[in-house]
PDB file of all heavy atoms in Angstrom:
ATOM      1  N   VAL A   1     165.700  88.530 139.828  1.00  0.00           N
ATOM      2  CA  VAL A   1     164.791  88.770 138.709  1.00  0.00           C
ATOM      3  C   VAL A   1     163.486  88.010 138.907  1.00  0.00           C
ATOM      4  O   VAL A   1     162.392  88.526 138.648  1.00  0.00           O
ATOM      5  CB  VAL A   1     165.467  88.371 137.386  1.00  0.00           C
ATOM      6  CG1 VAL A   1     164.491  88.550 136.222  1.00  0.00           C
ATOM      7  CG2 VAL A   1     166.714  89.208 137.149  1.00  0.00           C
ATOM      8  N   VAL A   2     163.582  86.777 139.383  1.00  0.00           N
ATOM      9  CA  VAL A   2     162.389  85.963 139.593  1.00  0.00           C
ATOM     10  C   VAL A   2     161.557  86.505 140.746  1.00  0.00           C
ATOM     11  O   VAL A   2     160.320  86.482 140.717  1.00  0.00           O
ATOM     12  CB  VAL A   2     162.789  84.493 139.856  1.00  0.00           C
ATOM     13  CG1 VAL A   2     161.555  83.621 140.017  1.00  0.00           C
ATOM     14  CG2 VAL A   2     163.673  83.975 138.728  1.00  0.00           C
ATOM     15  N   LEU A   3     162.217  87.012 141.769  1.00  0.00           N
ATOM     16  CA  LEU A   3     161.511  87.481 142.953  1.00  0.00           C
ATOM     17  C   LEU A   3     160.919  88.871 142.787  1.00  0.00           C
ATOM     18  O   LEU A   3     160.033  89.245 143.568  1.00  0.00           O
ATOM     19  CB  LEU A   3     162.455  87.492 144.158  1.00  0.00           C
ATOM     20  CG  LEU A   3     162.816  86.147 144.783  1.00  0.00           C
ATOM     21  CD1 LEU A   3     163.869  86.333 145.855  1.00  0.00           C
ATOM     22  CD2 LEU A   3     161.573  85.492 145.383  1.00  0.00           C
ATOM     23  N   ARG A   4     161.375  89.636 141.814  1.00  0.00           N
ATOM     24  CA  ARG A   4     160.966  91.034 141.722  1.00  0.00           C
ATOM     25  C   ARG A   4     159.449  91.179 141.559  1.00  0.00           C
ATOM     26  O   ARG A   4     158.811  92.002 142.236  1.00  0.00           O
ATOM     27  CB  ARG A   4     161.688  91.726 140.571  1.00  0.00           C
ATOM     28  CG  ARG A   4     161.415  93.239 140.520  1.00  0.00           C
ATOM     29  CD  ARG A   4     162.219  93.926 139.423  1.00  0.00           C
ATOM     30  NE  ARG A   4     163.634  93.905 139.742  1.00  0.00           N
ATOM     31  CZ  ARG A   4     164.533  93.257 139.043  1.00  0.00           C
ATOM     32  NH1 ARG A   4     164.172  92.584 137.968  1.00  0.00           N
ATOM     33  NH2 ARG A   4     165.804  93.287 139.387  1.00  0.00           N
ATOM     34  N   ASP A   5     158.844  90.406 140.662  1.00  0.00           N
ATOM     35  CA  ASP A   5     157.406  90.517 140.427  1.00  0.00           C
ATOM     36  C   ASP A   5     156.610  90.103 141.665  1.00  0.00           C
ATOM     37  O   ASP A   5     155.612  90.745 142.019  1.00  0.00           O
ATOM     38  CB  ASP A   5     156.999  89.664 139.228  1.00  0.00           C
ATOM     39  CG  ASP A   5     157.522  90.231 137.914  1.00  0.00           C
ATOM     40  OD1 ASP A   5     157.831  91.447 137.866  1.00  0.00           O
ATOM     41  OD2 ASP A   5     157.623  89.468 136.936  1.00  0.00           O
ATOM     42  N   VAL A   6     157.061  89.040 142.329  1.00  0.00           N
ATOM     43  CA  VAL A   6     156.365  88.597 143.538  1.00  0.00           C
ATOM     44  C   VAL A   6     156.484  89.632 144.636  1.00  0.00           C
ATOM     45  O   VAL A   6     155.536  89.901 145.376  1.00  0.00           O
ATOM     46  CB  VAL A   6     156.914  87.238 144.006  1.00  0.00           C
ATOM     47  CG1 VAL A   6     156.101  86.714 145.188  1.00  0.00           C
ATOM     48  CG2 VAL A   6     156.900  86.223 142.874  1.00  0.00           C
ATOM     49  N   ALA A   7     157.673  90.238 144.769  1.00  0.00           N
ATOM     50  CA  ALA A   7     157.873  91.280 145.771  1.00  0.00           C
ATOM     51  C   ALA A   7     156.972  92.477 145.509  1.00  0.00           C
ATOM     52  O   ALA A   7     156.406  93.071 146.445  1.00  0.00           O
ATOM     53  CB  ALA A   7     159.341  91.714 145.799  1.00  0.00           C
ATOM     54  N   ASN A   8     156.807  92.850 144.250  1.00  0.00           N
ATOM     55  CA  ASN A   8     155.911  93.956 143.914  1.00  0.00           C
ATOM     56  C   ASN A   8     154.464  93.624 144.262  1.00  0.00           C
ATOM     57  O   ASN A   8     153.704  94.487 144.724  1.00  0.00           O
ATOM     58  CB  ASN A   8     156.044  94.301 142.434  1.00  0.00           C
ATOM     59  CG  ASN A   8     157.388  94.938 142.103  1.00  0.00           C
ATOM     60  OD1 ASN A   8     158.024  95.553 142.957  1.00  0.00           O
ATOM     61  ND2 ASN A   8     157.823  94.796 140.856  1.00  0.00           N
ATOM     62  N   ASN A   9     154.053  92.377 144.026  1.00  0.00           N
ATOM     63  CA  ASN A   9     152.689  91.969 144.374  1.00  0.00           C
ATOM     64  C   ASN A   9     152.452  92.060 145.881  1.00  0.00           C
ATOM     65  O   ASN A   9     151.409  92.532 146.338  1.00  0.00           O
ATOM     66  CB  ASN A   9     152.430  90.548 143.883  1.00  0.00           C
ATOM     67  CG  ASN A   9     152.394  90.451 142.368  1.00  0.00           C
ATOM     68  OD1 ASN A   9     152.221  91.450 141.662  1.00  0.00           O
ATOM     69  ND2 ASN A   9     152.579  89.241 141.853  1.00  0.00           N
ATOM     70  N   LEU A  10     153.429  91.580 146.666  1.00  0.00           N
ATOM     71  CA  LEU A  10     153.282  91.634 148.113  1.00  0.00           C
ATOM     72  C   LEU A  10     153.274  93.075 148.617  1.00  0.00           C
ATOM     73  O   LEU A  10     152.525  93.415 149.545  1.00  0.00           O
ATOM     74  CB  LEU A  10     154.418  90.850 148.772  1.00  0.00           C
ATOM     75  CG  LEU A  10     154.368  89.330 148.589  1.00  0.00           C
ATOM     76  CD1 LEU A  10     155.662  88.687 149.077  1.00  0.00           C
ATOM     77  CD2 LEU A  10     153.185  88.743 149.349  1.00  0.00           C
ATOM     78  N   LYS A  11     154.086  93.930 148.009  1.00  0.00           N
ATOM     79  CA  LYS A  11     154.099  95.335 148.396  1.00  0.00           C
ATOM     80  C   LYS A  11     152.760  95.996 148.078  1.00  0.00           C
ATOM     81  O   LYS A  11     152.215  96.758 148.886  1.00  0.00           O
ATOM     82  CB  LYS A  11     155.230  96.062 147.673  1.00  0.00           C
ATOM     83  CG  LYS A  11     155.313  97.548 148.004  1.00  0.00           C
ATOM     84  CD  LYS A  11     156.383  98.230 147.187  1.00  0.00           C
ATOM     85  CE  LYS A  11     156.408  99.727 147.478  1.00  0.00           C
ATOM     86  NZ  LYS A  11     157.413 100.436 146.647  1.00  0.00           N
ATOM     87  N   GLN A  12     152.215  95.706 146.903  1.00  0.00           N
ATOM     88  CA  GLN A  12     150.925  96.275 146.527  1.00  0.00           C
ATOM     89  C   GLN A  12     149.817  95.762 147.427  1.00  0.00           C
ATOM     90  O   GLN A  12     148.909  96.505 147.795  1.00  0.00           O
ATOM     91  CB  GLN A  12     150.621  95.937 145.064  1.00  0.00           C
ATOM     92  CG  GLN A  12     149.319  96.550 144.544  1.00  0.00           C
ATOM     93  CD  GLN A  12     149.345  98.068 144.614  1.00  0.00           C
ATOM     94  OE1 GLN A  12     150.325  98.692 144.223  1.00  0.00           O
ATOM     95  NE2 GLN A  12     148.269  98.667 145.107  1.00  0.00           N
ATOM     96  N   ALA A  13     149.885  94.496 147.811  1.00  0.00           N
ATOM     97  CA  ALA A  13     148.878  93.943 148.714  1.00  0.00           C
ATOM     98  C   ALA A  13     148.915  94.629 150.070  1.00  0.00           C
ATOM     99  O   ALA A  13     147.876  94.937 150.658  1.00  0.00           O
ATOM    100  CB  ALA A  13     149.084  92.438 148.872  1.00  0.00           C
ATOM    101  N   ALA A  14     150.139  94.868 150.582  1.00  0.00           N
ATOM    102  CA  ALA A  14     150.269  95.569 151.857  1.00  0.00           C
ATOM    103  C   ALA A  14     149.738  96.993 151.766  1.00  0.00           C
ATOM    104  O   ALA A  14     149.056  97.484 152.681  1.00  0.00           O
ATOM    105  CB  ALA A  14     151.729  95.567 152.307  1.00  0.00           C
ATOM    106  N   ALA A  15     150.033  97.672 150.655  1.00  0.00           N
ATOM    107  CA  ALA A  15     149.533  99.033 150.468  1.00  0.00           C
ATOM    108  C   ALA A  15     148.015  99.054 150.343  1.00  0.00           C
ATOM    109  O   ALA A  15     147.339  99.952 150.866  1.00  0.00           O
ATOM    110  CB  ALA A  15     150.180  99.658 149.227  1.00  0.00           C
ATOM    111  N   THR A  16     147.458  98.061 149.650  1.00  0.00           N
ATOM    112  CA  THR A  16     146.008  97.980 149.504  1.00  0.00           C
ATOM    113  C   THR A  16     145.335  97.755 150.849  1.00  0.00           C
ATOM    114  O   THR A  16     144.328  98.386 151.172  1.00  0.00           O
ATOM    115  CB  THR A  16     145.640  96.845 148.535  1.00  0.00           C
ATOM    116  OG1 THR A  16     146.257  97.087 147.263  1.00  0.00           O
ATOM    117  CG2 THR A  16     144.133  96.752 148.360  1.00  0.00           C
ATOM    118  N   GLU A  17     145.885  96.849 151.637  1.00  0.00           N
ATOM    119  CA  GLU A  17     145.309  96.584 152.957  1.00  0.00           C
ATOM    120  C   GLU A  17     145.383  97.810 153.862  1.00  0.00           C
ATOM    121  O   GLU A  17     144.417  98.134 154.562  1.00  0.00           O
ATOM    122  CB  GLU A  17     146.036  95.411 153.608  1.00  0.00           C
ATOM    123  CG  GLU A  17     145.474  95.023 154.968  1.00  0.00           C
ATOM    124  CD  GLU A  17     146.184  93.830 155.562  1.00  0.00           C
ATOM    125  OE1 GLU A  17     147.114  93.315 154.910  1.00  0.00           O
ATOM    126  OE2 GLU A  17     145.827  93.413 156.676  1.00  0.00           O
ATOM    127  N   LYS A  18     146.531  98.483 153.847  1.00  0.00           N
ATOM    128  CA  LYS A  18     146.674  99.685 154.666  1.00  0.00           C
ATOM    129  C   LYS A  18     145.697 100.771 154.232  1.00  0.00           C
ATOM    130  O   LYS A  18     145.029 101.401 155.066  1.00  0.00           O
ATOM    131  CB  LYS A  18     148.101 100.196 154.581  1.00  0.00           C
ATOM    132  CG  LYS A  18     148.365 101.444 155.422  1.00  0.00           C
ATOM    133  CD  LYS A  18     149.806 101.889 155.297  1.00  0.00           C
ATOM    134  CE  LYS A  18     150.065 103.146 156.127  1.00  0.00           C
ATOM    135  NZ  LYS A  18     151.479 103.600 155.995  1.00  0.00           N
ATOM    136  N   GLY A  19     145.600 101.000 152.924  1.00  0.00           N
ATOM    137  CA  GLY A  19     144.660 102.002 152.427  1.00  0.00           C
ATOM    138  C   GLY A  19     143.220 101.634 152.698  1.00  0.00           C
ATOM    139  O   GLY A  19     142.374 102.494 152.962  1.00  0.00           O
ATOM    140  N   PHE A  20     142.936 100.332 152.631  1.00  0.00           N
ATOM    141  CA  PHE A  20     141.573  99.883 152.880  1.00  0.00           C
ATOM    142  C   PHE A  20     141.171 100.117 154.328  1.00  0.00           C
ATOM    143  O   PHE A  20     140.058 100.555 154.624  1.00  0.00           O
ATOM    144  CB  PHE A  20     141.452  98.401 152.532  1.00  0.00           C
ATOM    145  CG  PHE A  20     140.042  97.895 152.514  1.00  0.00           C
ATOM    146  CD1 PHE A  20     139.291  97.940 151.357  1.00  0.00           C
ATOM    147  CD2 PHE A  20     139.473  97.355 153.655  1.00  0.00           C
ATOM    148  CE1 PHE A  20     137.993  97.471 151.337  1.00  0.00           C
ATOM    149  CE2 PHE A  20     138.180  96.883 153.645  1.00  0.00           C
ATOM    150  CZ  PHE A  20     137.440  96.947 152.489  1.00  0.00           C
ATOM    151  N   MET A  21     142.083  99.845 155.248  1.00  0.00           N
ATOM    152  CA  MET A  21     141.771 100.026 156.657  1.00  0.00           C
ATOM    153  C   MET A  21     141.678 101.493 157.044  1.00  0.00           C
ATOM    154  O   MET A  21     140.956 101.848 157.974  1.00  0.00           O
ATOM    155  CB  MET A  21     142.835  99.327 157.512  1.00  0.00           C
ATOM    156  CG  MET A  21     142.931  97.824 157.286  1.00  0.00           C
ATOM    157  SD  MET A  21     141.398  96.947 157.603  1.00  0.00           S
ATOM    158  CE  MET A  21     141.215  97.232 159.358  1.00  0.00           C
ATOM    159  N   GLN A  22     142.409 102.357 156.328  1.00  0.00           N
ATOM    160  CA  GLN A  22     142.404 103.771 156.645  1.00  0.00           C
ATOM    161  C   GLN A  22     141.395 104.570 155.829  1.00  0.00           C
ATOM    162  O   GLN A  22     141.172 105.741 156.105  1.00  0.00           O
ATOM    163  CB  GLN A  22     143.800 104.363 156.421  1.00  0.00           C
ATOM    164  CG  GLN A  22     144.869 103.800 157.343  1.00  0.00           C
ATOM    165  CD  GLN A  22     146.231 104.380 157.065  1.00  0.00           C
ATOM    166  OE1 GLN A  22     146.444 105.033 156.045  1.00  0.00           O
ATOM    167  NE2 GLN A  22     147.183 104.157 157.964  1.00  0.00           N
ATOM    168  N   SER A  23     140.806 103.953 154.832  1.00  0.00           N
ATOM    169  CA  SER A  23     139.935 104.692 153.924  1.00  0.00           C
ATOM    170  C   SER A  23     138.645 105.095 154.611  1.00  0.00           C
ATOM    171  O   SER A  23     138.104 104.388 155.462  1.00  0.00           O
ATOM    172  CB  SER A  23     139.621 103.851 152.689  1.00  0.00           C
ATOM    173  OG  SER A  23     138.761 104.537 151.831  1.00  0.00           O
ATOM    174  N   LYS A  24     138.115 106.251 154.236  1.00  0.00           N
ATOM    175  CA  LYS A  24     136.887 106.775 154.798  1.00  0.00           C
ATOM    176  C   LYS A  24     135.743 106.782 153.789  1.00  0.00           C
ATOM    177  O   LYS A  24     134.715 107.403 154.012  1.00  0.00           O
ATOM    178  CB  LYS A  24     137.124 108.181 155.328  1.00  0.00           C
ATOM    179  CG  LYS A  24     138.150 108.248 156.441  1.00  0.00           C
ATOM    180  CD  LYS A  24     138.332 109.630 156.978  1.00  0.00           C
ATOM    181  CE  LYS A  24     139.347 109.665 158.099  1.00  0.00           C
ATOM    182  NZ  LYS A  24     139.573 110.933 158.646  1.00  0.00           N
ATOM    183  N   TRP A  25     135.976 106.107 152.651  1.00  0.00           N
ATOM    184  CA  TRP A  25     134.921 106.082 151.656  1.00  0.00           C
ATOM    185  C   TRP A  25     134.109 104.795 151.705  1.00  0.00           C
ATOM    186  O   TRP A  25     133.439 104.432 150.733  1.00  0.00           O
ATOM    187  CB  TRP A  25     135.483 106.267 150.252  1.00  0.00           C
ATOM    188  CG  TRP A  25     136.639 105.378 149.899  1.00  0.00           C
ATOM    189  CD1 TRP A  25     137.946 105.672 149.958  1.00  0.00           C
ATOM    190  CD2 TRP A  25     136.557 104.024 149.413  1.00  0.00           C
ATOM    191  NE1 TRP A  25     138.709 104.602 149.572  1.00  0.00           N
ATOM    192  CE2 TRP A  25     137.884 103.581 149.213  1.00  0.00           C
ATOM    193  CE3 TRP A  25     135.517 103.153 149.145  1.00  0.00           C
ATOM    194  CZ2 TRP A  25     138.189 102.296 148.757  1.00  0.00           C
ATOM    195  CZ3 TRP A  25     135.820 101.887 148.681  1.00  0.00           C
ATOM    196  CH2 TRP A  25     137.138 101.470 148.496  1.00  0.00           C
ATOM    197  N   LYS A  26     134.139 104.102 152.837  1.00  0.00           N
ATOM    198  CA  LYS A  26     133.378 102.867 152.979  1.00  0.00           C
ATOM    199  C   LYS A  26     132.375 103.052 154.120  1.00  0.00           C
ATOM    200  O   LYS A  26     132.533 102.511 155.212  1.00  0.00           O
ATOM    201  CB  LYS A  26     134.302 101.685 153.275  1.00  0.00           C
ATOM    202  CG  LYS A  26     135.388 101.448 152.253  1.00  0.00           C
ATOM    203  CD  LYS A  26     136.243 100.270 152.590  1.00  0.00           C
ATOM    204  CE  LYS A  26     136.931 100.418 153.948  1.00  0.00           C
ATOM    205  NZ  LYS A  26     137.823 101.531 153.980  1.00  0.00           N
ATOM    206  N   PRO A  27     131.346 103.827 153.940  1.00  0.00           N
ATOM    207  CA  PRO A  27     130.385 104.081 155.029  1.00  0.00           C
ATOM    208  C   PRO A  27     129.487 102.876 155.256  1.00  0.00           C
ATOM    209  O   PRO A  27     129.287 102.045 154.377  1.00  0.00           O
ATOM    210  CB  PRO A  27     129.587 105.276 154.519  1.00  0.00           C
ATOM    211  CG  PRO A  27     129.612 105.108 153.029  1.00  0.00           C
ATOM    212  CD  PRO A  27     130.957 104.503 152.702  1.00  0.00           C
ATOM    213  N   SER A  28     128.928 102.776 156.442  1.00  0.00           N
ATOM    214  CA  SER A  28     127.971 101.723 156.753  1.00  0.00           C
ATOM    215  C   SER A  28     126.543 102.155 156.481  1.00  0.00           C
ATOM    216  O   SER A  28     125.638 101.326 156.512  1.00  0.00           O
ATOM    217  CB  SER A  28     128.117 101.285 158.212  1.00  0.00           C
ATOM    218  OG  SER A  28     127.927 102.388 159.078  1.00  0.00           O
ATOM    219  N   ILE A  29     126.315 103.448 156.255  1.00  0.00           N
ATOM    220  CA  ILE A  29     124.994 103.958 155.930  1.00  0.00           C
ATOM    221  C   ILE A  29     125.102 104.940 154.770  1.00  0.00           C
ATOM    222  O   ILE A  29     126.160 105.529 154.526  1.00  0.00           O
ATOM    223  CB  ILE A  29     124.321 104.646 157.132  1.00  0.00           C
ATOM    224  CG1 ILE A  29     125.138 105.845 157.602  1.00  0.00           C
ATOM    225  CG2 ILE A  29     124.082 103.666 158.266  1.00  0.00           C
ATOM    226  CD1 ILE A  29     124.426 106.688 158.661  1.00  0.00           C
ATOM    227  N   ILE A  30     124.008 105.093 154.065  1.00  0.00           N
ATOM    228  CA  ILE A  30     123.884 106.062 152.991  1.00  0.00           C
ATOM    229  C   ILE A  30     122.701 106.968 153.295  1.00  0.00           C
ATOM    230  O   ILE A  30     121.591 106.481 153.591  1.00  0.00           O
ATOM    231  CB  ILE A  30     123.690 105.383 151.624  1.00  0.00           C
ATOM    232  CG1 ILE A  30     124.935 104.547 151.270  1.00  0.00           C
ATOM    233  CG2 ILE A  30     123.439 106.416 150.538  1.00  0.00           C
ATOM    234  CD1 ILE A  30     124.790 103.798 149.963  1.00  0.00           C
ATOM    235  N   VAL A  31     122.911 108.265 153.268  1.00  0.00           N
ATOM    236  CA  VAL A  31     121.855 109.253 153.492  1.00  0.00           C
ATOM    237  C   VAL A  31     121.458 109.837 152.146  1.00  0.00           C
ATOM    238  O   VAL A  31     122.277 110.454 151.461  1.00  0.00           O
ATOM    239  CB  VAL A  31     122.333 110.357 154.454  1.00  0.00           C
ATOM    240  CG1 VAL A  31     121.207 111.363 154.674  1.00  0.00           C
ATOM    241  CG2 VAL A  31     122.775 109.752 155.780  1.00  0.00           C
ATOM    242  N   LYS A  32     120.216 109.626 151.753  1.00  0.00           N
ATOM    243  CA  LYS A  32     119.709 110.131 150.490  1.00  0.00           C
ATOM    244  C   LYS A  32     118.983 111.449 150.734  1.00  0.00           C
ATOM    245  O   LYS A  32     118.074 111.519 151.563  1.00  0.00           O
ATOM    246  CB  LYS A  32     118.765 109.125 149.845  1.00  0.00           C
ATOM    247  CG  LYS A  32     119.418 107.786 149.495  1.00  0.00           C
ATOM    248  CD  LYS A  32     118.406 106.836 148.858  1.00  0.00           C
ATOM    249  CE  LYS A  32     119.058 105.506 148.505  1.00  0.00           C
ATOM    250  NZ  LYS A  32     118.076 104.568 147.880  1.00  0.00           N
ATOM    251  N   VAL A  33     119.411 112.495 150.037  1.00  0.00           N
ATOM    252  CA  VAL A  33     118.794 113.814 150.160  1.00  0.00           C
ATOM    253  C   VAL A  33     118.452 114.324 148.770  1.00  0.00           C
ATOM    254  O   VAL A  33     118.957 113.838 147.750  1.00  0.00           O
ATOM    255  CB  VAL A  33     119.733 114.809 150.875  1.00  0.00           C
ATOM    256  CG1 VAL A  33     120.035 114.343 152.282  1.00  0.00           C
ATOM    257  CG2 VAL A  33     121.035 114.997 150.088  1.00  0.00           C
ATOM    258  N   ASP A  34     117.592 115.296 148.757  1.00  0.00           N
ATOM    259  CA  ASP A  34     117.206 115.946 147.506  1.00  0.00           C
ATOM    260  C   ASP A  34     118.202 117.067 147.224  1.00  0.00           C
ATOM    261  O   ASP A  34     118.148 118.122 147.862  1.00  0.00           O
ATOM    262  CB  ASP A  34     115.791 116.477 147.600  1.00  0.00           C
ATOM    263  CG  ASP A  34     115.286 117.009 146.255  1.00  0.00           C
ATOM    264  OD1 ASP A  34     116.038 116.918 145.249  1.00  0.00           O
ATOM    265  OD2 ASP A  34     114.153 117.513 146.215  1.00  0.00           O
ATOM    266  N   ALA A  35     119.118 116.811 146.309  1.00  0.00           N
ATOM    267  CA  ALA A  35     120.152 117.790 146.015  1.00  0.00           C
ATOM    268  C   ALA A  35     119.629 119.013 145.282  1.00  0.00           C
ATOM    269  O   ALA A  35     120.341 120.007 145.151  1.00  0.00           O
ATOM    270  CB  ALA A  35     121.273 117.140 145.195  1.00  0.00           C
ATOM    271  N   LEU A  36     118.365 118.914 144.796  1.00  0.00           N
ATOM    272  CA  LEU A  36     117.814 120.060 144.086  1.00  0.00           C
ATOM    273  C   LEU A  36     117.317 121.137 145.031  1.00  0.00           C
ATOM    274  O   LEU A  36     117.103 122.279 144.615  1.00  0.00           O
ATOM    275  CB  LEU A  36     116.674 119.601 143.163  1.00  0.00           C
ATOM    276  CG  LEU A  36     117.065 118.612 142.060  1.00  0.00           C
ATOM    277  CD1 LEU A  36     115.852 118.201 141.250  1.00  0.00           C
ATOM    278  CD2 LEU A  36     118.150 119.223 141.157  1.00  0.00           C
ATOM    279  N   THR A  37     117.092 120.774 146.286  1.00  0.00           N
ATOM    280  CA  THR A  37     116.663 121.774 147.246  1.00  0.00           C
ATOM    281  C   THR A  37     117.812 122.680 147.613  1.00  0.00           C
ATOM    282  O   THR A  37     118.978 122.299 147.575  1.00  0.00           O
ATOM    283  CB  THR A  37     116.118 121.092 148.507  1.00  0.00           C
ATOM    284  OG1 THR A  37     117.145 120.312 149.108  1.00  0.00           O
ATOM    285  CG2 THR A  37     114.933 120.187 148.173  1.00  0.00           C
ATOM    286  N   GLU A  38     117.495 123.879 147.963  1.00  0.00           N
ATOM    287  CA  GLU A  38     118.519 124.859 148.291  1.00  0.00           C
ATOM    288  C   GLU A  38     119.308 124.462 149.533  1.00  0.00           C
ATOM    289  O   GLU A  38     120.495 124.748 149.651  1.00  0.00           O
ATOM    290  CB  GLU A  38     117.875 126.225 148.488  1.00  0.00           C
ATOM    291  CG  GLU A  38     118.882 127.347 148.780  1.00  0.00           C
ATOM    292  CD  GLU A  38     118.193 128.690 148.950  1.00  0.00           C
ATOM    293  OE1 GLU A  38     116.959 128.763 148.734  1.00  0.00           O
ATOM    294  OE2 GLU A  38     118.903 129.662 149.283  1.00  0.00           O
ATOM    295  N   GLU A  39     118.646 123.770 150.444  1.00  0.00           N
ATOM    296  CA  GLU A  39     119.281 123.425 151.714  1.00  0.00           C
ATOM    297  C   GLU A  39     120.414 122.425 151.541  1.00  0.00           C
ATOM    298  O   GLU A  39     121.441 122.503 152.212  1.00  0.00           O
ATOM    299  CB  GLU A  39     118.238 122.862 152.667  1.00  0.00           C
ATOM    300  CG  GLU A  39     118.801 122.548 154.055  1.00  0.00           C
ATOM    301  CD  GLU A  39     117.709 122.029 154.983  1.00  0.00           C
ATOM    302  OE1 GLU A  39     116.561 121.897 154.525  1.00  0.00           O
ATOM    303  OE2 GLU A  39     118.026 121.761 156.160  1.00  0.00           O
ATOM    304  N   PHE A  40     120.270 121.458 150.587  1.00  0.00           N
ATOM    305  CA  PHE A  40     121.233 120.383 150.430  1.00  0.00           C
ATOM    306  C   PHE A  40     122.019 120.463 149.120  1.00  0.00           C
ATOM    307  O   PHE A  40     122.704 119.511 148.744  1.00  0.00           O
ATOM    308  CB  PHE A  40     120.531 119.023 150.503  1.00  0.00           C
ATOM    309  CG  PHE A  40     119.780 118.798 151.785  1.00  0.00           C
ATOM    310  CD1 PHE A  40     118.471 118.339 151.758  1.00  0.00           C
ATOM    311  CD2 PHE A  40     120.372 119.055 152.999  1.00  0.00           C
ATOM    312  CE1 PHE A  40     117.764 118.146 152.931  1.00  0.00           C
ATOM    313  CE2 PHE A  40     119.670 118.859 154.182  1.00  0.00           C
ATOM    314  CZ  PHE A  40     118.365 118.410 154.151  1.00  0.00           C
ATOM    315  N   SER A  41     121.918 121.548 148.401  1.00  0.00           N
ATOM    316  CA  SER A  41     122.594 121.663 147.120  1.00  0.00           C
ATOM    317  C   SER A  41     124.080 121.973 147.264  1.00  0.00           C
ATOM    318  O   SER A  41     124.854 121.770 146.330  1.00  0.00           O
ATOM    319  CB  SER A  41     121.924 122.736 146.259  1.00  0.00           C
ATOM    320  OG  SER A  41     121.994 124.006 146.914  1.00  0.00           O
ATOM    321  N   SER A  42     124.507 122.464 148.402  1.00  0.00           N
ATOM    322  CA  SER A  42     125.903 122.836 148.621  1.00  0.00           C
ATOM    323  C   SER A  42     126.559 121.889 149.621  1.00  0.00           C
ATOM    324  O   SER A  42     125.873 121.278 150.452  1.00  0.00           O
ATOM    325  CB  SER A  42     126.002 124.267 149.144  1.00  0.00           C
ATOM    326  OG  SER A  42     125.377 124.380 150.410  1.00  0.00           O
ATOM    327  N   PRO A  43     127.898 121.753 149.570  1.00  0.00           N
ATOM    328  CA  PRO A  43     128.593 120.927 150.567  1.00  0.00           C
ATOM    329  C   PRO A  43     128.374 121.417 151.988  1.00  0.00           C
ATOM    330  O   PRO A  43     128.317 120.608 152.922  1.00  0.00           O
ATOM    331  CB  PRO A  43     130.054 121.036 150.150  1.00  0.00           C
ATOM    332  CG  PRO A  43     130.029 121.394 148.698  1.00  0.00           C
ATOM    333  CD  PRO A  43     128.814 122.239 148.530  1.00  0.00           C
TER     334      PRO A  43
END
């Protein structure tokens, strides 16, 4: 019972680290475009 909360914290930390290393939403550059133009308005 005492260890359960600590075990959950360690599991969440491991999941956070794994997701952080695999995540693709942390770019090193940002490209700013005019989304109102027809050329860049679509994906």
